[in-house]
Amino acid sequence: MIKSNWLTDKVKQMNNNLISIIIATKNGGRFLRRSIGSIERQTEKNIEIIVVSDGSTDDTVKIAQEMAKSIPYLKVIVLEKNIGPGLARNFGIKNARGNKIALLDDDDEWLDENKLSNQIRFLNENPEYVIVGSAVTEFVNETNRPLFTFKPKLNDCDIRANILLSNQFITSSVMFRKEAFEKVGGFAAMYLAEDYDLWLKLALQGKIVNIQGCKTRYMKRSSGAQQSHKSEMNKIVLKLIKRNKFNFPNYWLALIKAYIRIILG
């Protein structure tokens, strides 16, 4: 009986610490092996990977399904019609078994092999926090040439003071609690700034932080949605700032900066 209880507790502990990694992709077949390879190099092995093909028309599904043959914890979900990155991630998270969620875009990768273990340890030791990102993200172009290094604010207080001025989290760097994600309704049905919108909503559920030891590489593609819809993006960000007028500091400064971005295009 004691042995049975010990085994049951061990299984519960593993389930509680299971990390579900969501990769929402549209026509990202050429990048998948690299991004998933960076997951495979993680020291944390209590994971599942869910690849959501968001209406892909290239070889994304074929490549993902081939990889799933040799990676037993890789699941592939195929959406025939494109619904956008936010809703595709929602679909993946709805099918996730873990109560901790990590996001990874198809063309990004994790550079620190302890990224997942550092983040889940932080969340387990600090129940008041709902989201943890990375202190360092390396931006590169499509040929992997370094562009710049993004270093956001780290502690909860500093992030809140700056989050209306600029997004303080990189999507592929974050881990968050599924429970908090569900409370805020997940990603909104937006094709732009859906990640920024989510961070702002999650920040109202608990503390937020960026930590060391989670270095991420972000590929800045010339054909990316943010690049090709910059004007529309700036207008959406302005709406998000106005919506959060009473939620975070430095509203008026953020508002001025947002209007300047729109004017300058």
C-alpha atoms as a PDB file:
ATOM      1  CA  MET A   1       0.000   0.000   0.000  1.00  0.00           C
ATOM      2  CA  ILE A   2       2.843   2.382   0.868  1.00  0.00           C
ATOM      3  CA  LYS A   3       4.601   1.486  -2.375  1.00  0.00           C
ATOM      4  CA  SER A   4       1.395   2.075  -4.323  1.00  0.00           C
ATOM      5  CA  ASN A   5       0.910   5.534  -2.755  1.00  0.00           C
ATOM      6  CA  TRP A   6       4.539   6.422  -3.473  1.00  0.00           C
ATOM      7  CA  LEU A   7       4.084   5.469  -7.123  1.00  0.00           C
ATOM      8  CA  THR A   8       0.824   7.424  -7.375  1.00  0.00           C
ATOM      9  CA  ASP A   9       2.462  10.512  -5.856  1.00  0.00           C
ATOM     10  CA  LYS A  10       5.390  10.177  -8.248  1.00  0.00           C
ATOM     11  CA  VAL A  11       3.067  10.030 -11.249  1.00  0.00           C
ATOM     12  CA  LYS A  12       1.142  13.082  -9.980  1.00  0.00           C
ATOM     13  CA  GLN A  13       4.391  14.977  -9.517  1.00  0.00           C
ATOM     14  CA  MET A  14       5.484  14.181 -13.073  1.00  0.00           C
ATOM     15  CA  ASN A  15       2.100  15.253 -14.444  1.00  0.00           C
ATOM     16  CA  ASN A  16       2.220  18.495 -12.447  1.00  0.00           C
ATOM     17  CA  ASN A  17       5.666  19.274 -13.859  1.00  0.00           C
ATOM     18  CA  LEU A  18       4.933  18.253 -17.441  1.00  0.00           C
ATOM     19  CA  ILE A  19       5.816  21.057 -19.852  1.00  0.00           C
ATOM     20  CA  SER A  20       3.790  21.318 -23.039  1.00  0.00           C
ATOM     21  CA  ILE A  21       5.741  23.018 -25.824  1.00  0.00           C
ATOM     22  CA  ILE A  22       3.586  24.558 -28.535  1.00  0.00           C
ATOM     23  CA  ILE A  23       4.929  25.226 -32.033  1.00  0.00           C
ATOM     24  CA  ALA A  24       2.324  26.912 -34.232  1.00  0.00           C
ATOM     25  CA  THR A  25       3.575  27.014 -37.807  1.00  0.00           C
ATOM     26  CA  LYS A  26       2.447  27.983 -41.261  1.00  0.00           C
ATOM     27  CA  ASN A  27       4.778  26.830 -44.038  1.00  0.00           C
ATOM     28  CA  GLY A  28       7.692  26.542 -41.641  1.00  0.00           C
ATOM     29  CA  GLY A  29       8.846  23.109 -42.720  1.00  0.00           C
ATOM     30  CA  ARG A  30      12.368  24.248 -43.535  1.00  0.00           C
ATOM     31  CA  PHE A  31      12.901  25.451 -39.959  1.00  0.00           C
ATOM     32  CA  LEU A  32      11.262  22.692 -37.907  1.00  0.00           C
ATOM     33  CA  ARG A  33      14.266  20.382 -37.560  1.00  0.00           C
ATOM     34  CA  ARG A  34      16.323  23.197 -36.052  1.00  0.00           C
ATOM     35  CA  SER A  35      13.677  24.450 -33.615  1.00  0.00           C
ATOM     36  CA  ILE A  36      12.733  20.944 -32.455  1.00  0.00           C
ATOM     37  CA  GLY A  37      16.426  20.059 -32.280  1.00  0.00           C
ATOM     38  CA  SER A  38      16.888  22.839 -29.725  1.00  0.00           C
ATOM     39  CA  ILE A  39      14.105  21.247 -27.660  1.00  0.00           C
ATOM     40  CA  GLU A  40      15.784  17.844 -27.892  1.00  0.00           C
ATOM     41  CA  ARG A  41      18.970  19.352 -26.444  1.00  0.00           C
ATOM     42  CA  GLN A  42      17.169  20.513 -23.299  1.00  0.00           C
ATOM     43  CA  THR A  43      18.162  18.831 -20.055  1.00  0.00           C
ATOM     44  CA  GLU A  44      14.510  18.828 -18.949  1.00  0.00           C
ATOM     45  CA  LYS A  45      12.885  15.705 -20.421  1.00  0.00           C
ATOM     46  CA  ASN A  46       9.424  15.740 -18.808  1.00  0.00           C
ATOM     47  CA  ILE A  47       7.930  17.396 -21.874  1.00  0.00           C
ATOM     48  CA  GLU A  48       5.554  17.029 -24.768  1.00  0.00           C
ATOM     49  CA  ILE A  49       5.815  18.847 -28.097  1.00  0.00           C
ATOM     50  CA  ILE A  50       2.695  19.849 -30.006  1.00  0.00           C
ATOM     51  CA  VAL A  51       3.209  21.087 -33.554  1.00  0.00           C
ATOM     52  CA  VAL A  52       0.145  22.827 -34.970  1.00  0.00           C
ATOM     53  CA  SER A  53       0.237  23.232 -38.745  1.00  0.00           C
ATOM     54  CA  ASP A  54      -1.881  26.319 -39.375  1.00  0.00           C
ATOM     55  CA  GLY A  55      -3.069  25.723 -42.940  1.00  0.00           C
ATOM     56  CA  SER A  56       0.431  24.938 -44.250  1.00  0.00           C
ATOM     57  CA  THR A  57       0.777  24.258 -47.966  1.00  0.00           C
ATOM     58  CA  ASP A  58       4.457  23.274 -47.980  1.00  0.00           C
ATOM     59  CA  ASP A  59       6.088  20.141 -46.509  1.00  0.00           C
ATOM     60  CA  THR A  60       5.512  21.190 -42.873  1.00  0.00           C
ATOM     61  CA  VAL A  61       3.125  18.356 -42.043  1.00  0.00           C
ATOM     62  CA  LYS A  62       5.261  15.723 -43.754  1.00  0.00           C
ATOM     63  CA  ILE A  63       8.411  16.812 -41.907  1.00  0.00           C
ATOM     64  CA  ALA A  64       6.641  17.044 -38.542  1.00  0.00           C
ATOM     65  CA  GLN A  65       5.056  13.611 -38.940  1.00  0.00           C
ATOM     66  CA  GLU A  66       8.391  12.080 -39.951  1.00  0.00           C
ATOM     67  CA  MET A  67      10.008  13.538 -36.819  1.00  0.00           C
ATOM     68  CA  ALA A  68       7.131  12.228 -34.677  1.00  0.00           C
ATOM     69  CA  LYS A  69       8.077   8.668 -35.679  1.00  0.00           C
ATOM     70  CA  SER A  70      11.321   8.956 -33.740  1.00  0.00           C
ATOM     71  CA  ILE A  71      10.113  11.378 -31.039  1.00  0.00           C
ATOM     72  CA  PRO A  72       7.339   9.633 -29.081  1.00  0.00           C
ATOM     73  CA  TYR A  73       6.308  12.790 -27.201  1.00  0.00           C
ATOM     74  CA  LEU A  74       5.811  14.811 -30.418  1.00  0.00           C
ATOM     75  CA  LYS A  75       2.205  15.282 -31.508  1.00  0.00           C
ATOM     76  CA  VAL A  76       1.165  16.840 -34.824  1.00  0.00           C
ATOM     77  CA  ILE A  77      -2.134  18.678 -35.258  1.00  0.00           C
ATOM     78  CA  VAL A  78      -3.168  19.611 -38.789  1.00  0.00           C
ATOM     79  CA  LEU A  79      -5.501  22.564 -39.353  1.00  0.00           C
ATOM     80  CA  GLU A  80      -6.689  22.614 -42.947  1.00  0.00           C
ATOM     81  CA  LYS A  81      -7.496  26.344 -42.899  1.00  0.00           C
ATOM     82  CA  ASN A  82      -5.258  29.111 -41.623  1.00  0.00           C
ATOM     83  CA  ILE A  83      -6.662  30.645 -38.421  1.00  0.00           C
ATOM     84  CA  GLY A  84      -3.686  32.779 -37.354  1.00  0.00           C
ATOM     85  CA  PRO A  85      -0.865  32.208 -34.864  1.00  0.00           C
ATOM     86  CA  GLY A  86      -2.790  33.067 -31.722  1.00  0.00           C
ATOM     87  CA  LEU A  87      -5.767  30.806 -32.362  1.00  0.00           C
ATOM     88  CA  ALA A  88      -3.468  28.034 -33.617  1.00  0.00           C
ATOM     89  CA  ARG A  89      -1.572  28.213 -30.312  1.00  0.00           C
ATOM     90  CA  ASN A  90      -4.902  28.134 -28.463  1.00  0.00           C
ATOM     91  CA  PHE A  91      -5.741  24.936 -30.311  1.00  0.00           C
ATOM     92  CA  GLY A  92      -2.438  23.381 -29.320  1.00  0.00           C
ATOM     93  CA  ILE A  93      -2.751  24.454 -25.675  1.00  0.00           C
ATOM     94  CA  LYS A  94      -6.302  23.074 -25.528  1.00  0.00           C
ATOM     95  CA  ASN A  95      -4.823  19.680 -26.431  1.00  0.00           C
ATOM     96  CA  ALA A  96      -1.869  20.050 -24.031  1.00  0.00           C
ATOM     97  CA  ARG A  97      -1.547  17.771 -21.004  1.00  0.00           C
ATOM     98  CA  GLY A  98       0.953  19.913 -19.104  1.00  0.00           C
ATOM     99  CA  ASN A  99       0.056  22.691 -16.698  1.00  0.00           C
ATOM    100  CA  LYS A 100       3.125  24.681 -17.760  1.00  0.00           C
ATOM    101  CA  ILE A 101       3.189  25.976 -21.341  1.00  0.00           C
ATOM    102  CA  ALA A 102       6.261  26.994 -23.342  1.00  0.00           C
ATOM    103  CA  LEU A 103       6.022  28.582 -26.772  1.00  0.00           C
ATOM    104  CA  LEU A 104       8.522  28.214 -29.596  1.00  0.00           C
ATOM    105  CA  ASP A 105       8.064  29.663 -33.075  1.00  0.00           C
ATOM    106  CA  ASP A 106       9.093  27.417 -35.959  1.00  0.00           C
ATOM    107  CA  ASP A 107      12.084  29.583 -36.948  1.00  0.00           C
ATOM    108  CA  ASP A 108      13.391  30.281 -33.431  1.00  0.00           C
ATOM    109  CA  GLU A 109      15.486  28.132 -31.105  1.00  0.00           C
ATOM    110  CA  TRP A 110      16.588  27.822 -27.499  1.00  0.00           C
ATOM    111  CA  LEU A 111      20.301  28.334 -26.927  1.00  0.00           C
ATOM    112  CA  ASP A 112      20.549  27.503 -23.203  1.00  0.00           C
ATOM    113  CA  GLU A 113      20.128  23.769 -22.647  1.00  0.00           C
ATOM    114  CA  ASN A 114      18.737  24.457 -19.163  1.00  0.00           C
ATOM    115  CA  LYS A 115      16.126  26.924 -20.401  1.00  0.00           C
ATOM    116  CA  LEU A 116      13.130  24.755 -19.522  1.00  0.00           C
ATOM    117  CA  SER A 117      14.541  23.430 -16.245  1.00  0.00           C
ATOM    118  CA  ASN A 118      15.394  26.952 -15.055  1.00  0.00           C
ATOM    119  CA  GLN A 119      11.940  28.264 -15.853  1.00  0.00           C
ATOM    120  CA  ILE A 120       9.899  25.432 -14.379  1.00  0.00           C
ATOM    121  CA  ARG A 121      12.024  25.523 -11.233  1.00  0.00           C
ATOM    122  CA  PHE A 122      11.323  29.240 -10.904  1.00  0.00           C
ATOM    123  CA  LEU A 123       7.563  28.776 -11.319  1.00  0.00           C
ATOM    124  CA  ASN A 124       7.485  25.875  -8.868  1.00  0.00           C
ATOM    125  CA  GLU A 125       9.392  27.873  -6.263  1.00  0.00           C
ATOM    126  CA  ASN A 126       7.427  31.094  -6.840  1.00  0.00           C
ATOM    127  CA  PRO A 127       3.691  30.338  -7.087  1.00  0.00           C
ATOM    128  CA  GLU A 128       2.802  34.041  -7.260  1.00  0.00           C
ATOM    129  CA  TYR A 129       4.390  34.299 -10.731  1.00  0.00           C
ATOM    130  CA  VAL A 130       2.364  33.437 -13.828  1.00  0.00           C
ATOM    131  CA  ILE A 131       4.888  34.009 -16.616  1.00  0.00           C
ATOM    132  CA  VAL A 132       8.660  33.767 -16.902  1.00  0.00           C
ATOM    133  CA  GLY A 133      10.662  34.865 -19.930  1.00  0.00           C
ATOM    134  CA  SER A 134      14.318  35.228 -20.869  1.00  0.00           C
ATOM    135  CA  ALA A 135      16.763  37.939 -19.850  1.00  0.00           C
ATOM    136  CA  VAL A 136      18.566  37.620 -23.184  1.00  0.00           C
ATOM    137  CA  THR A 137      17.320  37.048 -26.725  1.00  0.00           C
ATOM    138  CA  GLU A 138      19.639  37.084 -29.705  1.00  0.00           C
ATOM    139  CA  PHE A 139      18.072  38.485 -32.884  1.00  0.00           C
ATOM    140  CA  VAL A 140      19.406  37.174 -36.201  1.00  0.00           C
ATOM    141  CA  ASN A 141      18.412  37.493 -39.853  1.00  0.00           C
ATOM    142  CA  GLU A 142      17.484  34.637 -42.184  1.00  0.00           C
ATOM    143  CA  THR A 143      21.144  33.803 -42.777  1.00  0.00           C
ATOM    144  CA  ASN A 144      21.765  33.684 -38.995  1.00  0.00           C
ATOM    145  CA  ARG A 145      23.752  36.917 -39.060  1.00  0.00           C
ATOM    146  CA  PRO A 146      23.495  38.619 -35.642  1.00  0.00           C
ATOM    147  CA  LEU A 147      21.396  41.786 -35.673  1.00  0.00           C
ATOM    148  CA  PHE A 148      21.151  42.822 -32.025  1.00  0.00           C
ATOM    149  CA  THR A 149      20.671  41.434 -28.528  1.00  0.00           C
ATOM    150  CA  PHE A 150      17.399  42.148 -26.743  1.00  0.00           C
ATOM    151  CA  LYS A 151      17.670  42.584 -22.977  1.00  0.00           C
ATOM    152  CA  PRO A 152      14.292  43.383 -21.412  1.00  0.00           C
ATOM    153  CA  LYS A 153      13.619  44.446 -17.852  1.00  0.00           C
ATOM    154  CA  LEU A 154      13.952  41.604 -15.372  1.00  0.00           C
ATOM    155  CA  ASN A 155      11.946  42.005 -12.175  1.00  0.00           C
ATOM    156  CA  ASP A 156       8.187  42.394 -11.871  1.00  0.00           C
ATOM    157  CA  CYS A 157       8.268  46.046 -10.833  1.00  0.00           C
ATOM    158  CA  ASP A 158      10.551  47.180 -13.680  1.00  0.00           C
ATOM    159  CA  ILE A 159       8.666  45.142 -16.288  1.00  0.00           C
ATOM    160  CA  ARG A 160       5.351  46.688 -15.242  1.00  0.00           C
ATOM    161  CA  ALA A 161       6.870  50.180 -15.396  1.00  0.00           C
ATOM    162  CA  ASN A 162       7.964  49.582 -18.983  1.00  0.00           C
ATOM    163  CA  ILE A 163       5.494  47.125 -20.518  1.00  0.00           C
ATOM    164  CA  LEU A 164       3.279  49.832 -22.054  1.00  0.00           C
ATOM    165  CA  LEU A 165       6.364  51.542 -23.463  1.00  0.00           C
ATOM    166  CA  SER A 166       7.525  48.368 -25.218  1.00  0.00           C
ATOM    167  CA  ASN A 167       6.849  44.641 -25.215  1.00  0.00           C
ATOM    168  CA  GLN A 168       9.036  43.061 -22.519  1.00  0.00           C
ATOM    169  CA  PHE A 169       8.632  39.418 -23.563  1.00  0.00           C
ATOM    170  CA  ILE A 170       9.766  37.465 -26.616  1.00  0.00           C
ATOM    171  CA  THR A 171       7.174  34.833 -27.538  1.00  0.00           C
ATOM    172  CA  SER A 172       9.649  31.981 -27.995  1.00  0.00           C
ATOM    173  CA  SER A 173      11.250  32.684 -24.620  1.00  0.00           C
ATOM    174  CA  VAL A 174       8.247  32.420 -22.328  1.00  0.00           C
ATOM    175  CA  MET A 175       6.785  29.770 -20.054  1.00  0.00           C
ATOM    176  CA  PHE A 176       3.463  30.391 -18.320  1.00  0.00           C
ATOM    177  CA  ARG A 177       0.866  28.643 -16.211  1.00  0.00           C
ATOM    178  CA  LYS A 178      -1.925  27.046 -18.215  1.00  0.00           C
ATOM    179  CA  GLU A 179      -4.419  27.901 -15.484  1.00  0.00           C
ATOM    180  CA  ALA A 180      -3.688  31.640 -15.779  1.00  0.00           C
ATOM    181  CA  PHE A 181      -3.794  31.394 -19.573  1.00  0.00           C
ATOM    182  CA  GLU A 182      -7.262  29.858 -19.441  1.00  0.00           C
ATOM    183  CA  LYS A 183      -8.496  32.465 -16.956  1.00  0.00           C
ATOM    184  CA  VAL A 184      -7.748  35.299 -19.390  1.00  0.00           C
ATOM    185  CA  GLY A 185      -9.290  33.468 -22.346  1.00  0.00           C
ATOM    186  CA  GLY A 186      -6.036  32.605 -24.132  1.00  0.00           C
ATOM    187  CA  PHE A 187      -4.818  34.375 -27.244  1.00  0.00           C
ATOM    188  CA  ALA A 188      -7.277  36.790 -28.840  1.00  0.00           C
ATOM    189  CA  ALA A 189      -8.339  36.340 -32.468  1.00  0.00           C
ATOM    190  CA  MET A 190      -5.644  38.687 -33.764  1.00  0.00           C
ATOM    191  CA  TYR A 191      -3.053  38.231 -36.490  1.00  0.00           C
ATOM    192  CA  LEU A 192      -0.808  40.930 -35.040  1.00  0.00           C
ATOM    193  CA  ALA A 193       0.303  41.733 -31.460  1.00  0.00           C
ATOM    194  CA  GLU A 194      -1.641  38.765 -30.099  1.00  0.00           C
ATOM    195  CA  ASP A 195       1.366  37.873 -27.942  1.00  0.00           C
ATOM    196  CA  TYR A 196       1.693  41.386 -26.476  1.00  0.00           C
ATOM    197  CA  ASP A 197      -2.026  41.361 -25.707  1.00  0.00           C
ATOM    198  CA  LEU A 198      -1.633  38.060 -23.835  1.00  0.00           C
ATOM    199  CA  TRP A 199       1.290  39.266 -21.714  1.00  0.00           C
ATOM    200  CA  LEU A 200      -0.719  42.309 -20.657  1.00  0.00           C
ATOM    201  CA  LYS A 201      -3.652  40.105 -19.640  1.00  0.00           C
ATOM    202  CA  LEU A 202      -1.463  37.593 -17.801  1.00  0.00           C
ATOM    203  CA  ALA A 203       0.239  40.415 -15.886  1.00  0.00           C
ATOM    204  CA  LEU A 204      -3.127  41.135 -14.246  1.00  0.00           C
ATOM    205  CA  GLN A 205      -3.236  37.554 -12.918  1.00  0.00           C
ATOM    206  CA  GLY A 206       0.079  37.492 -11.085  1.00  0.00           C
ATOM    207  CA  LYS A 207       3.714  38.517 -11.095  1.00  0.00           C
ATOM    208  CA  ILE A 208       5.885  38.458 -14.229  1.00  0.00           C
ATOM    209  CA  VAL A 209       9.630  38.075 -14.673  1.00  0.00           C
ATOM    210  CA  ASN A 210      12.539  37.528 -17.083  1.00  0.00           C
ATOM    211  CA  ILE A 211      15.402  35.372 -15.812  1.00  0.00           C
ATOM    212  CA  GLN A 212      18.952  34.431 -16.771  1.00  0.00           C
ATOM    213  CA  GLY A 213      19.827  31.025 -18.199  1.00  0.00           C
ATOM    214  CA  CYS A 214      17.076  30.980 -20.828  1.00  0.00           C
ATOM    215  CA  LYS A 215      18.829  32.513 -23.825  1.00  0.00           C
ATOM    216  CA  THR A 216      16.728  32.349 -26.981  1.00  0.00           C
ATOM    217  CA  ARG A 217      17.469  33.015 -30.639  1.00  0.00           C
ATOM    218  CA  TYR A 218      14.822  34.909 -32.603  1.00  0.00           C
ATOM    219  CA  MET A 219      14.892  34.976 -36.383  1.00  0.00           C
ATOM    220  CA  LYS A 220      13.790  38.319 -37.796  1.00  0.00           C
ATOM    221  CA  ARG A 221      12.439  37.475 -41.241  1.00  0.00           C
ATOM    222  CA  SER A 222      11.975  40.156 -43.901  1.00  0.00           C
ATOM    223  CA  SER A 223       8.663  38.561 -44.865  1.00  0.00           C
ATOM    224  CA  GLY A 224       7.360  38.356 -41.304  1.00  0.00           C
ATOM    225  CA  ALA A 225       3.907  39.621 -40.408  1.00  0.00           C
ATOM    226  CA  GLN A 226       5.247  42.406 -38.203  1.00  0.00           C
ATOM    227  CA  GLN A 227       7.531  43.684 -40.935  1.00  0.00           C
ATOM    228  CA  SER A 228       4.948  43.667 -43.733  1.00  0.00           C
ATOM    229  CA  HIS A 229       2.132  45.127 -41.579  1.00  0.00           C
ATOM    230  CA  LYS A 230       4.092  47.635 -39.513  1.00  0.00           C
ATOM    231  CA  SER A 231       1.513  50.427 -39.770  1.00  0.00           C
ATOM    232  CA  GLU A 232      -1.359  48.158 -38.769  1.00  0.00           C
ATOM    233  CA  MET A 233       0.725  46.748 -35.920  1.00  0.00           C
ATOM    234  CA  ASN A 234       1.375  50.245 -34.534  1.00  0.00           C
ATOM    235  CA  LYS A 235      -2.361  51.005 -34.519  1.00  0.00           C
ATOM    236  CA  ILE A 236      -3.172  47.767 -32.699  1.00  0.00           C
ATOM    237  CA  VAL A 237      -0.492  48.470 -30.079  1.00  0.00           C
ATOM    238  CA  LEU A 238      -2.036  51.920 -29.561  1.00  0.00           C
ATOM    239  CA  LYS A 239      -5.407  50.265 -28.841  1.00  0.00           C
ATOM    240  CA  LEU A 240      -3.800  47.890 -26.352  1.00  0.00           C
ATOM    241  CA  ILE A 241      -2.134  50.794 -24.558  1.00  0.00           C
ATOM    242  CA  LYS A 242      -5.444  52.669 -24.308  1.00  0.00           C
ATOM    243  CA  ARG A 243      -7.170  49.522 -23.044  1.00  0.00           C
ATOM    244  CA  ASN A 244      -4.635  49.239 -20.232  1.00  0.00           C
ATOM    245  CA  LYS A 245      -4.643  52.892 -19.175  1.00  0.00           C
ATOM    246  CA  PHE A 246      -5.351  52.116 -15.531  1.00  0.00           C
ATOM    247  CA  ASN A 247      -3.470  48.809 -15.329  1.00  0.00           C
ATOM    248  CA  PHE A 248       0.177  49.840 -15.697  1.00  0.00           C
ATOM    249  CA  PRO A 249       2.414  52.882 -15.071  1.00  0.00           C
ATOM    250  CA  ASN A 250       3.668  55.393 -17.647  1.00  0.00           C
ATOM    251  CA  TYR A 251       0.443  55.443 -19.674  1.00  0.00           C
ATOM    252  CA  TRP A 252       0.843  58.970 -21.065  1.00  0.00           C
ATOM    253  CA  LEU A 253       4.446  58.461 -22.112  1.00  0.00           C
ATOM    254  CA  ALA A 254       3.496  55.179 -23.780  1.00  0.00           C
ATOM    255  CA  LEU A 255       0.616  56.929 -25.555  1.00  0.00           C
ATOM    256  CA  ILE A 256       2.912  59.638 -26.929  1.00  0.00           C
ATOM    257  CA  LYS A 257       5.431  57.045 -28.136  1.00  0.00           C
ATOM    258  CA  ALA A 258       2.655  55.076 -29.823  1.00  0.00           C
ATOM    259  CA  TYR A 259       1.401  58.115 -31.739  1.00  0.00           C
ATOM    260  CA  ILE A 260       4.956  58.982 -32.793  1.00  0.00           C
ATOM    261  CA  ARG A 261       5.420  55.431 -34.166  1.00  0.00           C
ATOM    262  CA  ILE A 262       2.209  55.803 -36.173  1.00  0.00           C
ATOM    263  CA  ILE A 263       3.229  59.220 -37.558  1.00  0.00           C
ATOM    264  CA  LEU A 264       6.705  58.033 -38.538  1.00  0.00           C
ATOM    265  CA  GLY A 265       5.296  54.856 -40.054  1.00  0.00           C
END
